[in-house]
Amino acid sequence: MSIEIFNQLEQKVTSAVETLELMKMEVEELREENTRLKQEQEDWSQRLSSLLGKLNEVDVEGREAPAQEQASL
């Protein structure tokens, strides 16, 4: 094998290794972003559930009030 072919092979292997390392770093960044987004989604879900619970309380109270007013008549 000539030295020129060997040098080309070495460059390709080095390039492939560098690309793999960059891809590993990108995957790690994407995993961190995914974790952050999942937490954010969970936070929003809890807030939404809380708001819906408050609306249900108001709705239930609104339904009970007329019934109590009629009972006192």
PDB file of N, CA and C in Angstrom:
ATOM      1  N   MET A   1       0.857  -1.170   0.000  1.00  0.00           N
ATOM      2  CA  MET A   1       0.000   0.000   0.000  1.00  0.00           C
ATOM      3  C   MET A   1       0.900   1.228   0.000  1.00  0.00           C
ATOM      4  N   SER A   2       0.584   2.181  -0.836  1.00  0.00           N
ATOM      5  CA  SER A   2       1.439   3.368  -0.910  1.00  0.00           C
ATOM      6  C   SER A   2       1.152   4.297   0.259  1.00  0.00           C
ATOM      7  N   ILE A   3       2.122   5.109   0.568  1.00  0.00           N
ATOM      8  CA  ILE A   3       2.003   6.047   1.680  1.00  0.00           C
ATOM      9  C   ILE A   3       0.881   7.053   1.443  1.00  0.00           C
ATOM     10  N   GLU A   4       0.648   7.418   0.188  1.00  0.00           N
ATOM     11  CA  GLU A   4      -0.409   8.364  -0.146  1.00  0.00           C
ATOM     12  C   GLU A   4      -1.791   7.799   0.188  1.00  0.00           C
ATOM     13  N   ILE A   5      -2.021   6.554  -0.149  1.00  0.00           N
ATOM     14  CA  ILE A   5      -3.297   5.897   0.159  1.00  0.00           C
ATOM     15  C   ILE A   5      -3.461   5.762   1.667  1.00  0.00           C
ATOM     16  N   PHE A   6      -2.388   5.416   2.344  1.00  0.00           N
ATOM     17  CA  PHE A   6      -2.424   5.302   3.794  1.00  0.00           C
ATOM     18  C   PHE A   6      -2.768   6.654   4.426  1.00  0.00           C
ATOM     19  N   ASN A   7      -2.185   7.741   3.940  1.00  0.00           N
ATOM     20  CA  ASN A   7      -2.478   9.084   4.460  1.00  0.00           C
ATOM     21  C   ASN A   7      -3.939   9.461   4.226  1.00  0.00           C
ATOM     22  N   GLN A   8      -4.463   9.106   3.057  1.00  0.00           N
ATOM     23  CA  GLN A   8      -5.875   9.387   2.774  1.00  0.00           C
ATOM     24  C   GLN A   8      -6.787   8.616   3.722  1.00  0.00           C
ATOM     25  N   LEU A   9      -6.449   7.360   3.958  1.00  0.00           N
ATOM     26  CA  LEU A   9      -7.221   6.536   4.885  1.00  0.00           C
ATOM     27  C   LEU A   9      -7.173   7.125   6.293  1.00  0.00           C
ATOM     28  N   GLU A  10      -5.980   7.554   6.702  1.00  0.00           N
ATOM     29  CA  GLU A  10      -5.815   8.145   8.026  1.00  0.00           C
ATOM     30  C   GLU A  10      -6.667   9.414   8.161  1.00  0.00           C
ATOM     31  N   GLN A  11      -6.706  10.242   7.133  1.00  0.00           N
ATOM     32  CA  GLN A  11      -7.508  11.466   7.153  1.00  0.00           C
ATOM     33  C   GLN A  11      -9.002  11.145   7.248  1.00  0.00           C
ATOM     34  N   LYS A  12      -9.426  10.132   6.515  1.00  0.00           N
ATOM     35  CA  LYS A  12     -10.833   9.751   6.548  1.00  0.00           C
ATOM     36  C   LYS A  12     -11.231   9.198   7.915  1.00  0.00           C
ATOM     37  N   VAL A  13     -10.354   8.386   8.500  1.00  0.00           N
ATOM     38  CA  VAL A  13     -10.626   7.837   9.829  1.00  0.00           C
ATOM     39  C   VAL A  13     -10.671   8.970  10.858  1.00  0.00           C
ATOM     40  N   THR A  14      -9.715   9.887  10.782  1.00  0.00           N
ATOM     41  CA  THR A  14      -9.687  11.024  11.703  1.00  0.00           C
ATOM     42  C   THR A  14     -10.951  11.867  11.551  1.00  0.00           C
ATOM     43  N   SER A  15     -11.346  12.110  10.328  1.00  0.00           N
ATOM     44  CA  SER A  15     -12.562  12.876  10.065  1.00  0.00           C
ATOM     45  C   SER A  15     -13.793  12.165  10.620  1.00  0.00           C
ATOM     46  N   ALA A  16     -13.855  10.860  10.435  1.00  0.00           N
ATOM     47  CA  ALA A  16     -14.985  10.084  10.942  1.00  0.00           C
ATOM     48  C   ALA A  16     -15.043  10.129  12.469  1.00  0.00           C
ATOM     49  N   VAL A  17     -13.888  10.027  13.107  1.00  0.00           N
ATOM     50  CA  VAL A  17     -13.834  10.069  14.574  1.00  0.00           C
ATOM     51  C   VAL A  17     -14.288  11.442  15.066  1.00  0.00           C
ATOM     52  N   GLU A  18     -13.827  12.501  14.427  1.00  0.00           N
ATOM     53  CA  GLU A  18     -14.228  13.846  14.811  1.00  0.00           C
ATOM     54  C   GLU A  18     -15.734  14.048  14.629  1.00  0.00           C
ATOM     55  N   THR A  19     -16.264  13.536  13.531  1.00  0.00           N
ATOM     56  CA  THR A  19     -17.705  13.639  13.283  1.00  0.00           C
ATOM     57  C   THR A  19     -18.489  12.896  14.354  1.00  0.00           C
ATOM     58  N   LEU A  20     -18.016  11.707  14.719  1.00  0.00           N
ATOM     59  CA  LEU A  20     -18.690  10.936  15.772  1.00  0.00           C
ATOM     60  C   LEU A  20     -18.652  11.667  17.104  1.00  0.00           C
ATOM     61  N   GLU A  21     -17.533  12.286  17.430  1.00  0.00           N
ATOM     62  CA  GLU A  21     -17.425  13.027  18.685  1.00  0.00           C
ATOM     63  C   GLU A  21     -18.383  14.217  18.699  1.00  0.00           C
ATOM     64  N   LEU A  22     -18.478  14.918  17.570  1.00  0.00           N
ATOM     65  CA  LEU A  22     -19.416  16.037  17.470  1.00  0.00           C
ATOM     66  C   LEU A  22     -20.862  15.555  17.600  1.00  0.00           C
ATOM     67  N   MET A  23     -21.139  14.424  16.986  1.00  0.00           N
ATOM     68  CA  MET A  23     -22.494  13.876  17.073  1.00  0.00           C
ATOM     69  C   MET A  23     -22.819  13.448  18.500  1.00  0.00           C
ATOM     70  N   LYS A  24     -21.858  12.893  19.208  1.00  0.00           N
ATOM     71  CA  LYS A  24     -22.068  12.522  20.608  1.00  0.00           C
ATOM     72  C   LYS A  24     -22.399  13.756  21.443  1.00  0.00           C
ATOM     73  N   MET A  25     -21.667  14.840  21.207  1.00  0.00           N
ATOM     74  CA  MET A  25     -21.918  16.076  21.937  1.00  0.00           C
ATOM     75  C   MET A  25     -23.313  16.616  21.609  1.00  0.00           C
ATOM     76  N   GLU A  26     -23.684  16.546  20.348  1.00  0.00           N
ATOM     77  CA  GLU A  26     -25.005  17.016  19.942  1.00  0.00           C
ATOM     78  C   GLU A  26     -26.104  16.169  20.578  1.00  0.00           C
ATOM     79  N   VAL A  27     -25.910  14.866  20.611  1.00  0.00           N
ATOM     80  CA  VAL A  27     -26.888  13.971  21.232  1.00  0.00           C
ATOM     81  C   VAL A  27     -27.040  14.310  22.714  1.00  0.00           C
ATOM     82  N   GLU A  28     -25.929  14.563  23.387  1.00  0.00           N
ATOM     83  CA  GLU A  28     -25.994  14.917  24.808  1.00  0.00           C
ATOM     84  C   GLU A  28     -26.749  16.232  25.012  1.00  0.00           C
ATOM     85  N   GLU A  29     -26.482  17.211  24.160  1.00  0.00           N
ATOM     86  CA  GLU A  29     -27.197  18.489  24.245  1.00  0.00           C
ATOM     87  C   GLU A  29     -28.691  18.287  24.003  1.00  0.00           C
ATOM     88  N   LEU A  30     -29.029  17.459  23.034  1.00  0.00           N
ATOM     89  CA  LEU A  30     -30.435  17.197  22.740  1.00  0.00           C
ATOM     90  C   LEU A  30     -31.114  16.453  23.890  1.00  0.00           C
ATOM     91  N   ARG A  31     -30.400  15.565  24.530  1.00  0.00           N
ATOM     92  CA  ARG A  31     -30.975  14.864  25.697  1.00  0.00           C
ATOM     93  C   ARG A  31     -31.246  15.844  26.828  1.00  0.00           C
ATOM     94  N   GLU A  32     -30.306  16.751  27.056  1.00  0.00           N
ATOM     95  CA  GLU A  32     -30.503  17.760  28.101  1.00  0.00           C
ATOM     96  C   GLU A  32     -31.692  18.654  27.761  1.00  0.00           C
ATOM     97  N   GLU A  33     -31.795  19.043  26.515  1.00  0.00           N
ATOM     98  CA  GLU A  33     -32.923  19.875  26.071  1.00  0.00           C
ATOM     99  C   GLU A  33     -34.229  19.112  26.220  1.00  0.00           C
ATOM    100  N   ASN A  34     -34.225  17.847  25.875  1.00  0.00           N
ATOM    101  CA  ASN A  34     -35.418  17.016  26.017  1.00  0.00           C
ATOM    102  C   ASN A  34     -35.845  16.927  27.483  1.00  0.00           C
ATOM    103  N   THR A  35     -34.886  16.734  28.361  1.00  0.00           N
ATOM    104  CA  THR A  35     -35.181  16.669  29.797  1.00  0.00           C
ATOM    105  C   THR A  35     -35.780  17.991  30.272  1.00  0.00           C
ATOM    106  N   ARG A  36     -35.186  19.105  29.818  1.00  0.00           N
ATOM    107  CA  ARG A  36     -35.685  20.426  30.212  1.00  0.00           C
ATOM    108  C   ARG A  36     -37.110  20.635  29.693  1.00  0.00           C
ATOM    109  N   LEU A  37     -37.358  20.250  28.454  1.00  0.00           N
ATOM    110  CA  LEU A  37     -38.689  20.424  27.879  1.00  0.00           C
ATOM    111  C   LEU A  37     -39.723  19.529  28.558  1.00  0.00           C
ATOM    112  N   LYS A  38     -39.331  18.315  28.919  1.00  0.00           N
ATOM    113  CA  LYS A  38     -40.250  17.433  29.641  1.00  0.00           C
ATOM    114  C   LYS A  38     -40.631  18.038  30.987  1.00  0.00           C
ATOM    115  N   GLN A  39     -39.642  18.619  31.677  1.00  0.00           N
ATOM    116  CA  GLN A  39     -39.922  19.250  32.964  1.00  0.00           C
ATOM    117  C   GLN A  39     -40.838  20.457  32.784  1.00  0.00           C
ATOM    118  N   GLU A  40     -40.574  21.233  31.751  1.00  0.00           N
ATOM    119  CA  GLU A  40     -41.412  22.392  31.464  1.00  0.00           C
ATOM    120  C   GLU A  40     -42.846  21.957  31.148  1.00  0.00           C
ATOM    121  N   GLN A  41     -42.982  20.898  30.381  1.00  0.00           N
ATOM    122  CA  GLN A  41     -44.314  20.377  30.054  1.00  0.00           C
ATOM    123  C   GLN A  41     -45.029  19.912  31.324  1.00  0.00           C
ATOM    124  N   GLU A  42     -44.316  19.246  32.189  1.00  0.00           N
ATOM    125  CA  GLU A  42     -44.904  18.779  33.451  1.00  0.00           C
ATOM    126  C   GLU A  42     -45.348  19.967  34.306  1.00  0.00           C
ATOM    127  N   ASP A  43     -44.524  21.007  34.358  1.00  0.00           N
ATOM    128  CA  ASP A  43     -44.875  22.206  35.119  1.00  0.00           C
ATOM    129  C   ASP A  43     -46.154  22.838  34.572  1.00  0.00           C
ATOM    130  N   TRP A  44     -46.229  22.969  33.245  1.00  0.00           N
ATOM    131  CA  TRP A  44     -47.423  23.552  32.625  1.00  0.00           C
ATOM    132  C   TRP A  44     -48.643  22.668  32.872  1.00  0.00           C
ATOM    133  N   SER A  45     -48.457  21.384  32.814  1.00  0.00           N
ATOM    134  CA  SER A  45     -49.560  20.460  33.051  1.00  0.00           C
ATOM    135  C   SER A  45     -50.105  20.613  34.467  1.00  0.00           C
ATOM    136  N   GLN A  46     -49.209  20.741  35.436  1.00  0.00           N
ATOM    137  CA  GLN A  46     -49.639  20.929  36.824  1.00  0.00           C
ATOM    138  C   GLN A  46     -50.372  22.250  37.005  1.00  0.00           C
ATOM    139  N   ARG A  47     -49.853  23.295  36.372  1.00  0.00           N
ATOM    140  CA  ARG A  47     -50.515  24.597  36.466  1.00  0.00           C
ATOM    141  C   ARG A  47     -51.903  24.552  35.837  1.00  0.00           C
ATOM    142  N   LEU A  48     -51.996  23.899  34.684  1.00  0.00           N
ATOM    143  CA  LEU A  48     -53.282  23.781  34.010  1.00  0.00           C
ATOM    144  C   LEU A  48     -54.270  22.984  34.863  1.00  0.00           C
ATOM    145  N   SER A  49     -53.817  21.896  35.443  1.00  0.00           N
ATOM    146  CA  SER A  49     -54.680  21.088  36.311  1.00  0.00           C
ATOM    147  C   SER A  49     -55.170  21.910  37.501  1.00  0.00           C
ATOM    148  N   SER A  50     -54.286  22.709  38.048  1.00  0.00           N
ATOM    149  CA  SER A  50     -54.657  23.563  39.169  1.00  0.00           C
ATOM    150  C   SER A  50     -55.731  24.572  38.761  1.00  0.00           C
ATOM    151  N   LEU A  51     -55.542  25.191  37.600  1.00  0.00           N
ATOM    152  CA  LEU A  51     -56.529  26.159  37.111  1.00  0.00           C
ATOM    153  C   LEU A  51     -57.877  25.495  36.832  1.00  0.00           C
ATOM    154  N   LEU A  52     -57.838  24.318  36.229  1.00  0.00           N
ATOM    155  CA  LEU A  52     -59.083  23.599  35.962  1.00  0.00           C
ATOM    156  C   LEU A  52     -59.781  23.214  37.263  1.00  0.00           C
ATOM    157  N   GLY A  53     -58.992  22.846  38.259  1.00  0.00           N
ATOM    158  CA  GLY A  53     -59.565  22.535  39.567  1.00  0.00           C
ATOM    159  C   GLY A  53     -60.259  23.745  40.174  1.00  0.00           C
ATOM    160  N   LYS A  54     -59.641  24.915  40.034  1.00  0.00           N
ATOM    161  CA  LYS A  54     -60.263  26.137  40.545  1.00  0.00           C
ATOM    162  C   LYS A  54     -61.555  26.447  39.799  1.00  0.00           C
ATOM    163  N   LEU A  55     -61.560  26.250  38.484  1.00  0.00           N
ATOM    164  CA  LEU A  55     -62.780  26.467  37.709  1.00  0.00           C
ATOM    165  C   LEU A  55     -63.881  25.505  38.130  1.00  0.00           C
ATOM    166  N   ASN A  56     -63.514  24.269  38.401  1.00  0.00           N
ATOM    167  CA  ASN A  56     -64.503  23.287  38.866  1.00  0.00           C
ATOM    168  C   ASN A  56     -65.085  23.701  40.209  1.00  0.00           C
ATOM    169  N   GLU A  57     -64.235  24.218  41.098  1.00  0.00           N
ATOM    170  CA  GLU A  57     -64.728  24.677  42.401  1.00  0.00           C
ATOM    171  C   GLU A  57     -65.735  25.801  42.228  1.00  0.00           C
ATOM    172  N   VAL A  58     -65.425  26.756  41.353  1.00  0.00           N
ATOM    173  CA  VAL A  58     -66.335  27.875  41.104  1.00  0.00           C
ATOM    174  C   VAL A  58     -67.639  27.360  40.502  1.00  0.00           C
ATOM    175  N   ASP A  59     -67.541  26.432  39.579  1.00  0.00           N
ATOM    176  CA  ASP A  59     -68.726  25.869  38.942  1.00  0.00           C
ATOM    177  C   ASP A  59     -69.589  25.149  39.977  1.00  0.00           C
ATOM    178  N   VAL A  60     -68.984  24.361  40.838  1.00  0.00           N
ATOM    179  CA  VAL A  60     -69.728  23.633  41.868  1.00  0.00           C
ATOM    180  C   VAL A  60     -70.374  24.613  42.835  1.00  0.00           C
ATOM    181  N   GLU A  61     -69.636  25.628  43.245  1.00  0.00           N
ATOM    182  CA  GLU A  61     -70.190  26.632  44.159  1.00  0.00           C
ATOM    183  C   GLU A  61     -71.342  27.371  43.496  1.00  0.00           C
ATOM    184  N   GLY A  62     -71.206  27.658  42.215  1.00  0.00           N
ATOM    185  CA  GLY A  62     -72.261  28.338  41.480  1.00  0.00           C
ATOM    186  C   GLY A  62     -73.524  27.512  41.387  1.00  0.00           C
ATOM    187  N   ARG A  63     -73.387  26.220  41.289  1.00  0.00           N
ATOM    188  CA  ARG A  63     -74.551  25.332  41.218  1.00  0.00           C
ATOM    189  C   ARG A  63     -75.202  25.161  42.582  1.00  0.00           C
ATOM    190  N   GLU A  64     -74.420  25.205  43.656  1.00  0.00           N
ATOM    191  CA  GLU A  64     -74.949  25.005  45.000  1.00  0.00           C
ATOM    192  C   GLU A  64     -75.710  26.234  45.479  1.00  0.00           C
ATOM    193  N   ALA A  65     -75.261  27.419  45.110  1.00  0.00           N
ATOM    194  CA  ALA A  65     -75.868  28.659  45.608  1.00  0.00           C
ATOM    195  C   ALA A  65     -77.345  28.761  45.240  1.00  0.00           C
ATOM    196  N   PRO A  66     -77.763  28.571  43.994  1.00  0.00           N
ATOM    197  CA  PRO A  66     -79.192  28.670  43.670  1.00  0.00           C
ATOM    198  C   PRO A  66     -80.024  27.628  44.412  1.00  0.00           C
ATOM    199  N   ALA A  67     -79.490  26.451  44.606  1.00  0.00           N
ATOM    200  CA  ALA A  67     -80.216  25.414  45.315  1.00  0.00           C
ATOM    201  C   ALA A  67     -80.436  25.815  46.761  1.00  0.00           C
ATOM    202  N   GLN A  68     -79.438  26.455  47.369  1.00  0.00           N
ATOM    203  CA  GLN A  68     -79.584  26.906  48.757  1.00  0.00           C
ATOM    204  C   GLN A  68     -80.571  28.066  48.848  1.00  0.00           C
ATOM    205  N   GLU A  69     -80.571  28.954  47.853  1.00  0.00           N
ATOM    206  CA  GLU A  69     -81.499  30.087  47.845  1.00  0.00           C
ATOM    207  C   GLU A  69     -82.932  29.589  47.724  1.00  0.00           C
ATOM    208  N   GLN A  70     -83.171  28.601  46.887  1.00  0.00           N
ATOM    209  CA  GLN A  70     -84.524  28.067  46.719  1.00  0.00           C
ATOM    210  C   GLN A  70     -84.989  27.345  47.983  1.00  0.00           C
ATOM    211  N   ALA A  71     -84.075  26.695  48.664  1.00  0.00           N
ATOM    212  CA  ALA A  71     -84.418  25.971  49.877  1.00  0.00           C
ATOM    213  C   ALA A  71     -84.842  26.932  50.979  1.00  0.00           C
ATOM    214  N   SER A  72     -84.252  28.123  50.994  1.00  0.00           N
ATOM    215  CA  SER A  72     -84.588  29.070  52.041  1.00  0.00           C
ATOM    216  C   SER A  72     -85.904  29.786  51.751  1.00  0.00           C
ATOM    217  N   LEU A  73     -86.385  29.702  50.499  1.00  0.00           N
ATOM    218  CA  LEU A  73     -87.660  30.339  50.163  1.00  0.00           C
ATOM    219  C   LEU A  73     -88.763  29.494  50.673  1.00  0.00           C
TER     220      LEU A  73
END
